[in-house]
Each structure stands twice: as structure tokens, then as C-alpha cells.
Amino acid sequence: MDIIIKLFLPLSLAFIMFSLGITLTLQDFKRVVQIPRAFSIGMLGQLVLLPASAFLILQVVELEPAMAFGVMLLAFAPGGVTSNMLTRFGGGSVALAVSITAITSVLCVLTVPVFAAAAASHFLGAAMPKIDVTSIGISMALITAVPVATGLAVNHLAPTFASTISKVVEIVASVLFVVIVLGALVTNWSVLMENILELGPVLVLLNVVMLTIGYGGAKMMKLSHPDSVAIAMEVGVQNATLGITVGALIAMSSEALPPYSLASGVYGITMYACAFLFIGWLRWRARKNPELRPQSEAS
């Protein structure tokens, strides 16, 4: 188990982040300047509204402290490859989604350790483990920012090679994600069964609230339908693998994936149900209103 947590888990996350980076181009970062309004609204939702919503939900629904802390870790995580994929399925602006994912994946090296320390103090109190913000920040840089930058460099310097291997990389990353989520659940099966009735509804509620706020808020700010879908997916679908990994880094446990990671493990399954229901609603609306269809379908 020790080798799984200390080696397999971080290396798997690093590969998943590399799979994101290899789909990025420098244009994705330049686009931040080209679409500042939509990007700023997405960042506000990701960095402020998502953690605030999770915190408010946890004030209403009482969870065991370690589980509540795990929910907050999930809320601090950026979107990932999955949110970009779901944006495409929903007819959203993939370019905007990728831009938000790229920037937040880099920023999380700074934001997650600091936010996690504050959340641990609030929810865990005296049971709070020692959190070395600098050490966790460095670890996160090595397993998130560096792989993303490496993937970006490969795509920029060898685009043909990147295009050739991208599908295989995507498949391997997806398999690793499934293995990580199943491992988190199986390892903590008894804890999961004791808390599923409390934990499951909280995660579904967080999903639904953020998808609704993301889409509805963006529309209220007069953004286009594709941009609104992208923002909804970015603030509504988080990088569960990162949540699992950060929980394990904080707990420093070699016996099993800690309760801090369990919320992210469960979320890795429930988020698909919520996201695909949301996508079904988007597609139903598009059938009623041709203006909402993706360009390729509307033409």
C-alpha cells in the first residue's frame, strides 16, 4: 500500500496532467487576453464561488470532520481533462474550457496548499495534521504544473508526434483515473458504507449547484451559450484525481487512502451522472432552439 500512495498515485496524476498538457498550445494561454470577460467569470467561479458554495453546503449538512475536509479539498481542485471533454459533449466552447483548465492547473500549486491549511484548521481543529504548505506546493508543482508544461512543450516542439500519441495517452490517462477512483473506494469500503448516505447527497448537491450557478451566472452576465456551457463544466466538474492525491499527501498515511481522499473518490463516479444529465438537458434545449446548437450541427 505504501508504494501505491507514494509512487503509483502521484505518478498517475502526473501522467494525467501530461495528457492535458499535450492537448494545449500557446494559443490557449494567449486566449486569456483575447476573451478576458468570459475567462475572468470562469476564474471567479472556479477559485471563489466553488469553494464558497462547498463551505456553505457543509454548514447546512453535517459531515464527519475528515469527510467535510475532503469535500473542501475537492472544491479547491481545478477542472481537468474530463471537464474539457464534457464541454465538447455539451456543445460548449472547448477553447475557453481548455484556457481555464490550463491556468487553474498552474495556479493550484499556490492556491490548494494555502486553502487546504485554512480548511483543515476550520474543520479538523485539534485533529488537524501538520500541513507543510511549502512542501505540498512543491509536490503539487512536480505532479501538476511540470507535467502540463512538459506536455505543452512536446505539442509545441513536435506537434505531429503529439498528435500521433495523443489518443493513446488519453486512453492510458482514463484507465489510470478509473484505477485510482476504484482503489480509493475499495481501500476505504467500510468507511464509505458508513458515510455514503451523508457523503453522496452532498457531492451530488455540490455538482448540481455549481453546474447551475456556472451556466446561469454566465448567462446573466450576457455570455454566449457555448461560453456559458464551458464555464458550467469548469466550475461544476473538478479534478477528482488531484483531490485524492492531495488528501493522501496531507495524511501521509501508508496503510490506506485516508478519509480526506474519499470524497474525491466518490465524486469521481457521481460527477459523471450529474454532468451527463446536465448535457442531456443542454441537448434537449438545443433541439428546441437551433441557435443553441454547435456550429457544425446548426449549419
C-alpha atoms as a PDB file:
ATOM      1  CA  MET A   1       0.000   0.000   0.000  1.00  0.00           C
ATOM      2  CA  ASP A   2       2.891   2.335   0.793  1.00  0.00           C
ATOM      3  CA  ILE A   3       4.222   2.097  -2.757  1.00  0.00           C
ATOM      4  CA  ILE A   4       0.751   2.800  -4.168  1.00  0.00           C
ATOM      5  CA  ILE A   5       0.351   6.056  -2.250  1.00  0.00           C
ATOM      6  CA  LYS A   6       3.938   7.271  -2.501  1.00  0.00           C
ATOM      7  CA  LEU A   7       4.683   6.211  -6.076  1.00  0.00           C
ATOM      8  CA  PHE A   8       1.730   4.998  -8.157  1.00  0.00           C
ATOM      9  CA  LEU A   9      -0.720   7.739  -7.125  1.00  0.00           C
ATOM     10  CA  PRO A  10       1.499  10.786  -7.815  1.00  0.00           C
ATOM     11  CA  LEU A  11       2.945   9.272 -10.986  1.00  0.00           C
ATOM     12  CA  SER A  12      -0.554   8.518 -12.259  1.00  0.00           C
ATOM     13  CA  LEU A  13      -1.683  12.073 -11.573  1.00  0.00           C
ATOM     14  CA  ALA A  14       1.440  13.385 -13.293  1.00  0.00           C
ATOM     15  CA  PHE A  15       0.626  11.315 -16.380  1.00  0.00           C
ATOM     16  CA  ILE A  16      -2.996  12.508 -16.352  1.00  0.00           C
ATOM     17  CA  MET A  17      -1.776  16.117 -16.180  1.00  0.00           C
ATOM     18  CA  PHE A  18       0.664  15.377 -19.015  1.00  0.00           C
ATOM     19  CA  SER A  19      -2.303  14.131 -21.056  1.00  0.00           C
ATOM     20  CA  LEU A  20      -3.871  17.556 -20.501  1.00  0.00           C
ATOM     21  CA  GLY A  21      -0.705  19.424 -21.395  1.00  0.00           C
ATOM     22  CA  ILE A  22      -0.192  17.568 -24.667  1.00  0.00           C
ATOM     23  CA  THR A  23      -3.555  18.924 -25.891  1.00  0.00           C
ATOM     24  CA  LEU A  24      -2.581  22.534 -25.103  1.00  0.00           C
ATOM     25  CA  THR A  25      -0.976  25.151 -27.315  1.00  0.00           C
ATOM     26  CA  LEU A  26       0.473  28.567 -26.559  1.00  0.00           C
ATOM     27  CA  GLN A  27      -2.682  29.994 -28.130  1.00  0.00           C
ATOM     28  CA  ASP A  28      -4.685  28.578 -25.225  1.00  0.00           C
ATOM     29  CA  PHE A  29      -2.789  30.883 -22.878  1.00  0.00           C
ATOM     30  CA  LYS A  30      -2.918  33.867 -25.245  1.00  0.00           C
ATOM     31  CA  ARG A  31      -6.684  33.418 -25.443  1.00  0.00           C
ATOM     32  CA  VAL A  32      -6.913  34.641 -21.850  1.00  0.00           C
ATOM     33  CA  VAL A  33      -6.138  38.130 -23.157  1.00  0.00           C
ATOM     34  CA  GLN A  34      -8.430  37.735 -26.157  1.00  0.00           C
ATOM     35  CA  ILE A  35     -11.512  36.796 -24.129  1.00  0.00           C
ATOM     36  CA  PRO A  36     -10.873  38.463 -20.758  1.00  0.00           C
ATOM     37  CA  ARG A  37     -14.526  38.764 -19.711  1.00  0.00           C
ATOM     38  CA  ALA A  38     -15.510  35.127 -20.165  1.00  0.00           C
ATOM     39  CA  PHE A  39     -12.194  33.949 -18.730  1.00  0.00           C
ATOM     40  CA  SER A  40     -12.487  36.201 -15.663  1.00  0.00           C
ATOM     41  CA  ILE A  41     -16.022  34.977 -14.937  1.00  0.00           C
ATOM     42  CA  GLY A  42     -14.841  31.376 -15.205  1.00  0.00           C
ATOM     43  CA  MET A  43     -11.908  32.011 -12.882  1.00  0.00           C
ATOM     44  CA  LEU A  44     -14.163  33.743 -10.361  1.00  0.00           C
ATOM     45  CA  GLY A  45     -16.465  30.732 -10.362  1.00  0.00           C
ATOM     46  CA  GLN A  46     -13.591  28.272 -10.028  1.00  0.00           C
ATOM     47  CA  LEU A  47     -11.500  30.000  -7.367  1.00  0.00           C
ATOM     48  CA  VAL A  48     -14.176  31.784  -5.316  1.00  0.00           C
ATOM     49  CA  LEU A  49     -17.748  30.603  -5.890  1.00  0.00           C
ATOM     50  CA  LEU A  50     -16.964  26.873  -5.872  1.00  0.00           C
ATOM     51  CA  PRO A  51     -15.127  26.798  -2.508  1.00  0.00           C
ATOM     52  CA  ALA A  52     -17.670  29.241  -1.038  1.00  0.00           C
ATOM     53  CA  SER A  53     -20.586  27.069  -2.179  1.00  0.00           C
ATOM     54  CA  ALA A  54     -18.963  23.921  -0.768  1.00  0.00           C
ATOM     55  CA  PHE A  55     -18.358  25.677   2.545  1.00  0.00           C
ATOM     56  CA  LEU A  56     -21.972  26.904   2.758  1.00  0.00           C
ATOM     57  CA  ILE A  57     -23.328  23.426   1.970  1.00  0.00           C
ATOM     58  CA  LEU A  58     -21.179  21.981   4.741  1.00  0.00           C
ATOM     59  CA  GLN A  59     -22.653  24.492   7.187  1.00  0.00           C
ATOM     60  CA  VAL A  60     -26.110  23.108   6.429  1.00  0.00           C
ATOM     61  CA  VAL A  61     -25.292  19.400   6.001  1.00  0.00           C
ATOM     62  CA  GLU A  62     -23.264  17.959   8.859  1.00  0.00           C
ATOM     63  CA  LEU A  63     -20.495  15.557   7.885  1.00  0.00           C
ATOM     64  CA  GLU A  64     -17.800  13.847   9.921  1.00  0.00           C
ATOM     65  CA  PRO A  65     -14.899  16.406  10.051  1.00  0.00           C
ATOM     66  CA  ALA A  66     -12.468  14.389   7.920  1.00  0.00           C
ATOM     67  CA  MET A  67     -15.138  13.903   5.251  1.00  0.00           C
ATOM     68  CA  ALA A  68     -16.023  17.601   5.291  1.00  0.00           C
ATOM     69  CA  PHE A  69     -12.364  18.476   4.866  1.00  0.00           C
ATOM     70  CA  GLY A  70     -12.205  16.068   1.920  1.00  0.00           C
ATOM     71  CA  VAL A  71     -15.135  17.853   0.260  1.00  0.00           C
ATOM     72  CA  MET A  72     -13.269  21.156   0.614  1.00  0.00           C
ATOM     73  CA  LEU A  73     -10.111  19.637  -0.903  1.00  0.00           C
ATOM     74  CA  LEU A  74     -12.205  18.636  -3.886  1.00  0.00           C
ATOM     75  CA  ALA A  75     -13.642  22.164  -4.128  1.00  0.00           C
ATOM     76  CA  PHE A  76     -10.124  23.625  -4.223  1.00  0.00           C
ATOM     77  CA  ALA A  77      -9.130  21.395  -7.156  1.00  0.00           C
ATOM     78  CA  PRO A  78      -9.203  22.817 -10.697  1.00  0.00           C
ATOM     79  CA  GLY A  79     -11.041  21.255 -13.600  1.00  0.00           C
ATOM     80  CA  GLY A  80      -9.194  18.715 -15.696  1.00  0.00           C
ATOM     81  CA  VAL A  81      -9.248  16.721 -18.899  1.00  0.00           C
ATOM     82  CA  THR A  82     -12.754  15.493 -18.033  1.00  0.00           C
ATOM     83  CA  SER A  83     -14.263  18.981 -17.861  1.00  0.00           C
ATOM     84  CA  ASN A  84     -12.835  19.765 -21.299  1.00  0.00           C
ATOM     85  CA  MET A  85     -14.257  16.546 -22.730  1.00  0.00           C
ATOM     86  CA  LEU A  86     -17.689  17.173 -21.208  1.00  0.00           C
ATOM     87  CA  THR A  87     -17.658  20.738 -22.538  1.00  0.00           C
ATOM     88  CA  ARG A  88     -17.265  19.317 -26.031  1.00  0.00           C
ATOM     89  CA  PHE A  89     -20.150  16.883 -25.493  1.00  0.00           C
ATOM     90  CA  GLY A  90     -22.337  19.716 -24.219  1.00  0.00           C
ATOM     91  CA  GLY A  91     -21.722  21.963 -27.218  1.00  0.00           C
ATOM     92  CA  GLY A  92     -19.641  24.431 -25.216  1.00  0.00           C
ATOM     93  CA  SER A  93     -16.569  26.467 -26.068  1.00  0.00           C
ATOM     94  CA  VAL A  94     -13.733  23.969 -25.742  1.00  0.00           C
ATOM     95  CA  ALA A  95     -11.193  26.754 -26.287  1.00  0.00           C
ATOM     96  CA  LEU A  96     -12.470  28.656 -23.231  1.00  0.00           C
ATOM     97  CA  ALA A  97     -12.671  25.483 -21.122  1.00  0.00           C
ATOM     98  CA  VAL A  98      -9.109  24.498 -22.019  1.00  0.00           C
ATOM     99  CA  SER A  99      -7.848  28.011 -21.213  1.00  0.00           C
ATOM    100  CA  ILE A 100      -9.466  27.990 -17.765  1.00  0.00           C
ATOM    101  CA  THR A 101      -8.227  24.463 -17.047  1.00  0.00           C
ATOM    102  CA  ALA A 102      -4.695  25.346 -18.125  1.00  0.00           C
ATOM    103  CA  ILE A 103      -4.405  28.440 -15.930  1.00  0.00           C
ATOM    104  CA  THR A 104      -6.111  26.955 -12.867  1.00  0.00           C
ATOM    105  CA  SER A 105      -3.989  23.813 -13.114  1.00  0.00           C
ATOM    106  CA  VAL A 106      -0.895  26.003 -12.797  1.00  0.00           C
ATOM    107  CA  LEU A 107      -2.349  28.287 -10.114  1.00  0.00           C
ATOM    108  CA  CYS A 108      -3.452  25.346  -7.953  1.00  0.00           C
ATOM    109  CA  VAL A 109       0.188  24.862  -6.976  1.00  0.00           C
ATOM    110  CA  LEU A 110      -0.203  28.071  -4.940  1.00  0.00           C
ATOM    111  CA  THR A 111      -3.895  28.068  -4.051  1.00  0.00           C
ATOM    112  CA  VAL A 112      -4.554  24.484  -2.954  1.00  0.00           C
ATOM    113  CA  PRO A 113      -1.898  24.203  -0.191  1.00  0.00           C
ATOM    114  CA  VAL A 114      -2.897  27.556   1.348  1.00  0.00           C
ATOM    115  CA  PHE A 115      -6.658  26.925   1.133  1.00  0.00           C
ATOM    116  CA  ALA A 116      -6.196  23.360   2.405  1.00  0.00           C
ATOM    117  CA  ALA A 117      -4.370  24.578   5.512  1.00  0.00           C
ATOM    118  CA  ALA A 118      -7.168  27.038   6.284  1.00  0.00           C
ATOM    119  CA  ALA A 119      -9.878  24.404   5.727  1.00  0.00           C
ATOM    120  CA  ALA A 120      -8.055  21.852   7.877  1.00  0.00           C
ATOM    121  CA  SER A 121      -7.866  24.342  10.725  1.00  0.00           C
ATOM    122  CA  HIS A 122     -11.599  25.037  10.497  1.00  0.00           C
ATOM    123  CA  PHE A 123     -12.958  21.514  10.020  1.00  0.00           C
ATOM    124  CA  LEU A 124     -10.401  19.354  11.834  1.00  0.00           C
ATOM    125  CA  GLY A 125      -9.445  21.607  14.731  1.00  0.00           C
ATOM    126  CA  ALA A 126      -7.197  19.807  17.191  1.00  0.00           C
ATOM    127  CA  ALA A 127      -7.154  16.732  14.935  1.00  0.00           C
ATOM    128  CA  MET A 128      -5.591  18.769  12.133  1.00  0.00           C
ATOM    129  CA  PRO A 129      -2.466  17.075  10.752  1.00  0.00           C
ATOM    130  CA  LYS A 130       0.695  19.093  10.279  1.00  0.00           C
ATOM    131  CA  ILE A 131       0.427  20.694   6.843  1.00  0.00           C
ATOM    132  CA  ASP A 132       3.673  21.910   5.311  1.00  0.00           C
ATOM    133  CA  VAL A 133       2.332  24.377   2.742  1.00  0.00           C
ATOM    134  CA  THR A 134       5.704  24.766   1.013  1.00  0.00           C
ATOM    135  CA  SER A 135       6.306  21.021   0.772  1.00  0.00           C
ATOM    136  CA  ILE A 136       2.828  20.333  -0.592  1.00  0.00           C
ATOM    137  CA  GLY A 137       3.203  23.215  -3.049  1.00  0.00           C
ATOM    138  CA  ILE A 138       6.461  21.766  -4.356  1.00  0.00           C
ATOM    139  CA  SER A 139       4.949  18.279  -4.585  1.00  0.00           C
ATOM    140  CA  MET A 140       1.956  19.640  -6.475  1.00  0.00           C
ATOM    141  CA  ALA A 141       4.224  21.545  -8.852  1.00  0.00           C
ATOM    142  CA  LEU A 142       6.073  18.332  -9.647  1.00  0.00           C
ATOM    143  CA  ILE A 143       2.891  16.318 -10.295  1.00  0.00           C
ATOM    144  CA  THR A 144       0.727  19.005 -11.932  1.00  0.00           C
ATOM    145  CA  ALA A 145       2.456  22.101 -13.330  1.00  0.00           C
ATOM    146  CA  VAL A 146       5.609  20.342 -14.562  1.00  0.00           C
ATOM    147  CA  PRO A 147       3.744  17.567 -16.465  1.00  0.00           C
ATOM    148  CA  VAL A 148       1.370  20.148 -18.002  1.00  0.00           C
ATOM    149  CA  ALA A 149       4.342  22.259 -19.098  1.00  0.00           C
ATOM    150  CA  THR A 150       6.083  19.155 -20.461  1.00  0.00           C
ATOM    151  CA  GLY A 151       3.024  18.170 -22.479  1.00  0.00           C
ATOM    152  CA  LEU A 152       2.698  21.716 -23.792  1.00  0.00           C
ATOM    153  CA  ALA A 153       6.366  21.708 -24.810  1.00  0.00           C
ATOM    154  CA  VAL A 154       6.000  18.389 -26.646  1.00  0.00           C
ATOM    155  CA  ASN A 155       2.947  19.671 -28.521  1.00  0.00           C
ATOM    156  CA  HIS A 156       4.719  22.916 -29.406  1.00  0.00           C
ATOM    157  CA  LEU A 157       8.050  21.416 -30.469  1.00  0.00           C
ATOM    158  CA  ALA A 158       6.765  18.191 -32.065  1.00  0.00           C
ATOM    159  CA  PRO A 159       3.092  18.690 -32.996  1.00  0.00           C
ATOM    160  CA  THR A 160       2.997  15.710 -35.353  1.00  0.00           C
ATOM    161  CA  PHE A 161       4.392  13.371 -32.701  1.00  0.00           C
ATOM    162  CA  ALA A 162       1.996  14.829 -30.109  1.00  0.00           C
ATOM    163  CA  SER A 163      -0.952  14.264 -32.426  1.00  0.00           C
ATOM    164  CA  THR A 164       0.169  10.676 -33.065  1.00  0.00           C
ATOM    165  CA  ILE A 165       0.402   9.693 -29.408  1.00  0.00           C
ATOM    166  CA  SER A 166      -2.408  11.867 -28.011  1.00  0.00           C
ATOM    167  CA  LYS A 167      -5.128   9.209 -28.390  1.00  0.00           C
ATOM    168  CA  VAL A 168      -3.062   6.525 -26.660  1.00  0.00           C
ATOM    169  CA  VAL A 169      -2.099   8.987 -23.925  1.00  0.00           C
ATOM    170  CA  GLU A 170      -5.768   9.874 -23.433  1.00  0.00           C
ATOM    171  CA  ILE A 171      -6.769   6.206 -23.122  1.00  0.00           C
ATOM    172  CA  VAL A 172      -3.997   5.428 -20.629  1.00  0.00           C
ATOM    173  CA  ALA A 173      -4.890   8.521 -18.585  1.00  0.00           C
ATOM    174  CA  SER A 174      -8.541   7.447 -18.494  1.00  0.00           C
ATOM    175  CA  VAL A 175      -7.603   3.944 -17.330  1.00  0.00           C
ATOM    176  CA  LEU A 176      -5.365   5.365 -14.603  1.00  0.00           C
ATOM    177  CA  PHE A 177      -8.196   7.637 -13.446  1.00  0.00           C
ATOM    178  CA  VAL A 178     -10.572   4.668 -13.139  1.00  0.00           C
ATOM    179  CA  VAL A 179      -7.943   2.624 -11.259  1.00  0.00           C
ATOM    180  CA  ILE A 180      -7.309   5.487  -8.817  1.00  0.00           C
ATOM    181  CA  VAL A 181     -11.004   6.056  -8.120  1.00  0.00           C
ATOM    182  CA  LEU A 182     -11.747   2.349  -7.680  1.00  0.00           C
ATOM    183  CA  GLY A 183      -8.682   1.979  -5.471  1.00  0.00           C
ATOM    184  CA  ALA A 184      -9.847   4.813  -3.242  1.00  0.00           C
ATOM    185  CA  LEU A 185     -13.284   3.242  -2.892  1.00  0.00           C
ATOM    186  CA  VAL A 186     -12.181  -0.363  -2.377  1.00  0.00           C
ATOM    187  CA  THR A 187      -9.484   0.571   0.137  1.00  0.00           C
ATOM    188  CA  ASN A 188     -11.981   2.544   2.215  1.00  0.00           C
ATOM    189  CA  TRP A 189     -15.050   0.416   1.520  1.00  0.00           C
ATOM    190  CA  SER A 190     -16.149   0.092   5.150  1.00  0.00           C
ATOM    191  CA  VAL A 191     -15.732   3.843   5.747  1.00  0.00           C
ATOM    192  CA  LEU A 192     -17.614   4.535   2.509  1.00  0.00           C
ATOM    193  CA  MET A 193     -20.547   2.331   3.518  1.00  0.00           C
ATOM    194  CA  GLU A 194     -20.758   4.094   6.869  1.00  0.00           C
ATOM    195  CA  ASN A 195     -20.889   7.543   5.237  1.00  0.00           C
ATOM    196  CA  ILE A 196     -22.349   7.084   1.739  1.00  0.00           C
ATOM    197  CA  LEU A 197     -25.835   8.258   2.695  1.00  0.00           C
ATOM    198  CA  GLU A 198     -24.375  11.509   4.024  1.00  0.00           C
ATOM    199  CA  LEU A 199     -21.461  11.960   1.616  1.00  0.00           C
ATOM    200  CA  GLY A 200     -23.190  11.040  -1.662  1.00  0.00           C
ATOM    201  CA  PRO A 201     -26.002  13.632  -1.487  1.00  0.00           C
ATOM    202  CA  VAL A 202     -23.528  16.382  -0.532  1.00  0.00           C
ATOM    203  CA  LEU A 203     -21.373  15.684  -3.582  1.00  0.00           C
ATOM    204  CA  VAL A 204     -24.375  15.472  -5.910  1.00  0.00           C
ATOM    205  CA  LEU A 205     -25.740  18.698  -4.438  1.00  0.00           C
ATOM    206  CA  LEU A 206     -22.398  20.445  -4.941  1.00  0.00           C
ATOM    207  CA  ASN A 207     -22.325  19.217  -8.543  1.00  0.00           C
ATOM    208  CA  VAL A 208     -25.848  20.400  -9.292  1.00  0.00           C
ATOM    209  CA  VAL A 209     -25.387  23.753  -7.545  1.00  0.00           C
ATOM    210  CA  MET A 210     -22.164  24.559  -9.389  1.00  0.00           C
ATOM    211  CA  LEU A 211     -23.420  23.455 -12.817  1.00  0.00           C
ATOM    212  CA  THR A 212     -26.471  25.655 -12.264  1.00  0.00           C
ATOM    213  CA  ILE A 213     -24.501  28.638 -10.946  1.00  0.00           C
ATOM    214  CA  GLY A 214     -21.904  28.272 -13.684  1.00  0.00           C
ATOM    215  CA  TYR A 215     -24.376  28.195 -16.543  1.00  0.00           C
ATOM    216  CA  GLY A 216     -26.993  30.531 -15.067  1.00  0.00           C
ATOM    217  CA  GLY A 217     -24.447  33.043 -13.809  1.00  0.00           C
ATOM    218  CA  ALA A 218     -22.662  33.168 -17.149  1.00  0.00           C
ATOM    219  CA  LYS A 219     -25.956  33.722 -18.990  1.00  0.00           C
ATOM    220  CA  MET A 220     -26.862  36.500 -16.533  1.00  0.00           C
ATOM    221  CA  MET A 221     -23.535  38.122 -17.425  1.00  0.00           C
ATOM    222  CA  LYS A 222     -24.644  38.050 -21.084  1.00  0.00           C
ATOM    223  CA  LEU A 223     -22.137  35.439 -22.203  1.00  0.00           C
ATOM    224  CA  SER A 224     -22.903  33.224 -25.180  1.00  0.00           C
ATOM    225  CA  HIS A 225     -24.381  29.758 -24.793  1.00  0.00           C
ATOM    226  CA  PRO A 226     -21.090  27.965 -25.700  1.00  0.00           C
ATOM    227  CA  ASP A 227     -19.137  30.095 -23.209  1.00  0.00           C
ATOM    228  CA  SER A 228     -21.790  29.509 -20.533  1.00  0.00           C
ATOM    229  CA  VAL A 229     -21.590  25.726 -21.043  1.00  0.00           C
ATOM    230  CA  ALA A 230     -17.788  25.832 -20.762  1.00  0.00           C
ATOM    231  CA  ILE A 231     -17.913  27.808 -17.520  1.00  0.00           C
ATOM    232  CA  ALA A 232     -20.581  25.472 -16.096  1.00  0.00           C
ATOM    233  CA  MET A 233     -18.369  22.454 -16.763  1.00  0.00           C
ATOM    234  CA  GLU A 234     -15.230  24.118 -15.424  1.00  0.00           C
ATOM    235  CA  VAL A 235     -16.799  25.115 -12.095  1.00  0.00           C
ATOM    236  CA  GLY A 236     -19.042  22.049 -11.912  1.00  0.00           C
ATOM    237  CA  VAL A 237     -16.615  19.217 -12.728  1.00  0.00           C
ATOM    238  CA  GLN A 238     -13.392  19.023 -10.737  1.00  0.00           C
ATOM    239  CA  ASN A 239     -10.151  17.049 -10.958  1.00  0.00           C
ATOM    240  CA  ALA A 240     -11.030  14.187  -8.606  1.00  0.00           C
ATOM    241  CA  THR A 241      -7.599  12.608  -9.031  1.00  0.00           C
ATOM    242  CA  LEU A 242      -5.955  15.740  -7.659  1.00  0.00           C
ATOM    243  CA  GLY A 243      -8.302  15.717  -4.666  1.00  0.00           C
ATOM    244  CA  ILE A 244      -7.404  12.097  -3.919  1.00  0.00           C
ATOM    245  CA  THR A 245      -3.679  12.806  -4.256  1.00  0.00           C
ATOM    246  CA  VAL A 246      -3.668  15.944  -2.089  1.00  0.00           C
ATOM    247  CA  GLY A 247      -5.648  14.112   0.596  1.00  0.00           C
ATOM    248  CA  ALA A 248      -3.014  11.357   0.613  1.00  0.00           C
ATOM    249  CA  LEU A 249      -0.155  13.884   0.695  1.00  0.00           C
ATOM    250  CA  ILE A 250      -1.659  15.645   3.706  1.00  0.00           C
ATOM    251  CA  ALA A 251      -2.450  12.457   5.643  1.00  0.00           C
ATOM    252  CA  MET A 252       0.977  10.925   4.979  1.00  0.00           C
ATOM    253  CA  SER A 253      -0.583   7.519   5.606  1.00  0.00           C
ATOM    254  CA  SER A 254       0.912   4.341   4.171  1.00  0.00           C
ATOM    255  CA  GLU A 255      -1.818   1.974   5.316  1.00  0.00           C
ATOM    256  CA  ALA A 256      -4.732   3.151   3.170  1.00  0.00           C
ATOM    257  CA  LEU A 257      -6.032   6.117   1.274  1.00  0.00           C
ATOM    258  CA  PRO A 258      -7.279   8.434   4.026  1.00  0.00           C
ATOM    259  CA  PRO A 259     -10.826   9.684   4.613  1.00  0.00           C
ATOM    260  CA  TYR A 260      -9.614  13.049   3.276  1.00  0.00           C
ATOM    261  CA  SER A 261      -9.490  11.451  -0.185  1.00  0.00           C
ATOM    262  CA  LEU A 262     -12.779   9.576  -0.021  1.00  0.00           C
ATOM    263  CA  ALA A 263     -14.993  12.489  -1.130  1.00  0.00           C
ATOM    264  CA  SER A 264     -12.911  12.866  -4.288  1.00  0.00           C
ATOM    265  CA  GLY A 265     -13.093   9.112  -4.904  1.00  0.00           C
ATOM    266  CA  VAL A 266     -16.892   9.071  -4.662  1.00  0.00           C
ATOM    267  CA  TYR A 267     -17.089  12.276  -6.689  1.00  0.00           C
ATOM    268  CA  GLY A 268     -15.093  10.613  -9.463  1.00  0.00           C
ATOM    269  CA  ILE A 269     -18.221   8.494 -10.064  1.00  0.00           C
ATOM    270  CA  THR A 270     -21.127  10.799  -9.156  1.00  0.00           C
ATOM    271  CA  MET A 271     -19.846  13.693 -11.267  1.00  0.00           C
ATOM    272  CA  TYR A 272     -20.471  11.743 -14.466  1.00  0.00           C
ATOM    273  CA  ALA A 273     -24.113  11.115 -13.587  1.00  0.00           C
ATOM    274  CA  CYS A 274     -24.697  14.808 -12.854  1.00  0.00           C
ATOM    275  CA  ALA A 275     -22.709  16.047 -15.844  1.00  0.00           C
ATOM    276  CA  PHE A 276     -24.414  13.762 -18.376  1.00  0.00           C
ATOM    277  CA  LEU A 277     -27.858  14.675 -17.051  1.00  0.00           C
ATOM    278  CA  PHE A 278     -26.868  18.314 -17.485  1.00  0.00           C
ATOM    279  CA  ILE A 279     -25.608  17.616 -21.001  1.00  0.00           C
ATOM    280  CA  GLY A 280     -28.895  15.837 -21.778  1.00  0.00           C
ATOM    281  CA  TRP A 281     -30.752  18.983 -20.687  1.00  0.00           C
ATOM    282  CA  LEU A 282     -28.477  21.127 -22.853  1.00  0.00           C
ATOM    283  CA  ARG A 283     -29.086  18.926 -25.880  1.00  0.00           C
ATOM    284  CA  TRP A 284     -32.851  18.978 -25.249  1.00  0.00           C
ATOM    285  CA  ARG A 285     -32.723  22.784 -25.191  1.00  0.00           C
ATOM    286  CA  ALA A 286     -30.659  22.785 -28.393  1.00  0.00           C
ATOM    287  CA  ARG A 287     -33.301  20.692 -30.161  1.00  0.00           C
ATOM    288  CA  LYS A 288     -35.924  23.249 -29.143  1.00  0.00           C
ATOM    289  CA  ASN A 289     -33.721  26.209 -30.055  1.00  0.00           C
ATOM    290  CA  PRO A 290     -31.429  25.743 -33.093  1.00  0.00           C
ATOM    291  CA  GLU A 291     -29.432  28.843 -32.110  1.00  0.00           C
ATOM    292  CA  LEU A 292     -28.000  26.898 -29.172  1.00  0.00           C
ATOM    293  CA  ARG A 293     -26.645  24.083 -31.310  1.00  0.00           C
ATOM    294  CA  PRO A 294     -22.920  23.825 -32.013  1.00  0.00           C
ATOM    295  CA  GLN A 295     -21.934  25.471 -35.323  1.00  0.00           C
ATOM    296  CA  SER A 296     -21.334  22.115 -37.006  1.00  0.00           C
ATOM    297  CA  GLU A 297     -24.874  20.937 -36.188  1.00  0.00           C
ATOM    298  CA  ALA A 298     -26.698  24.199 -36.798  1.00  0.00           C
ATOM    299  CA  SER A 299     -25.297  24.675 -40.300  1.00  0.00           C
END
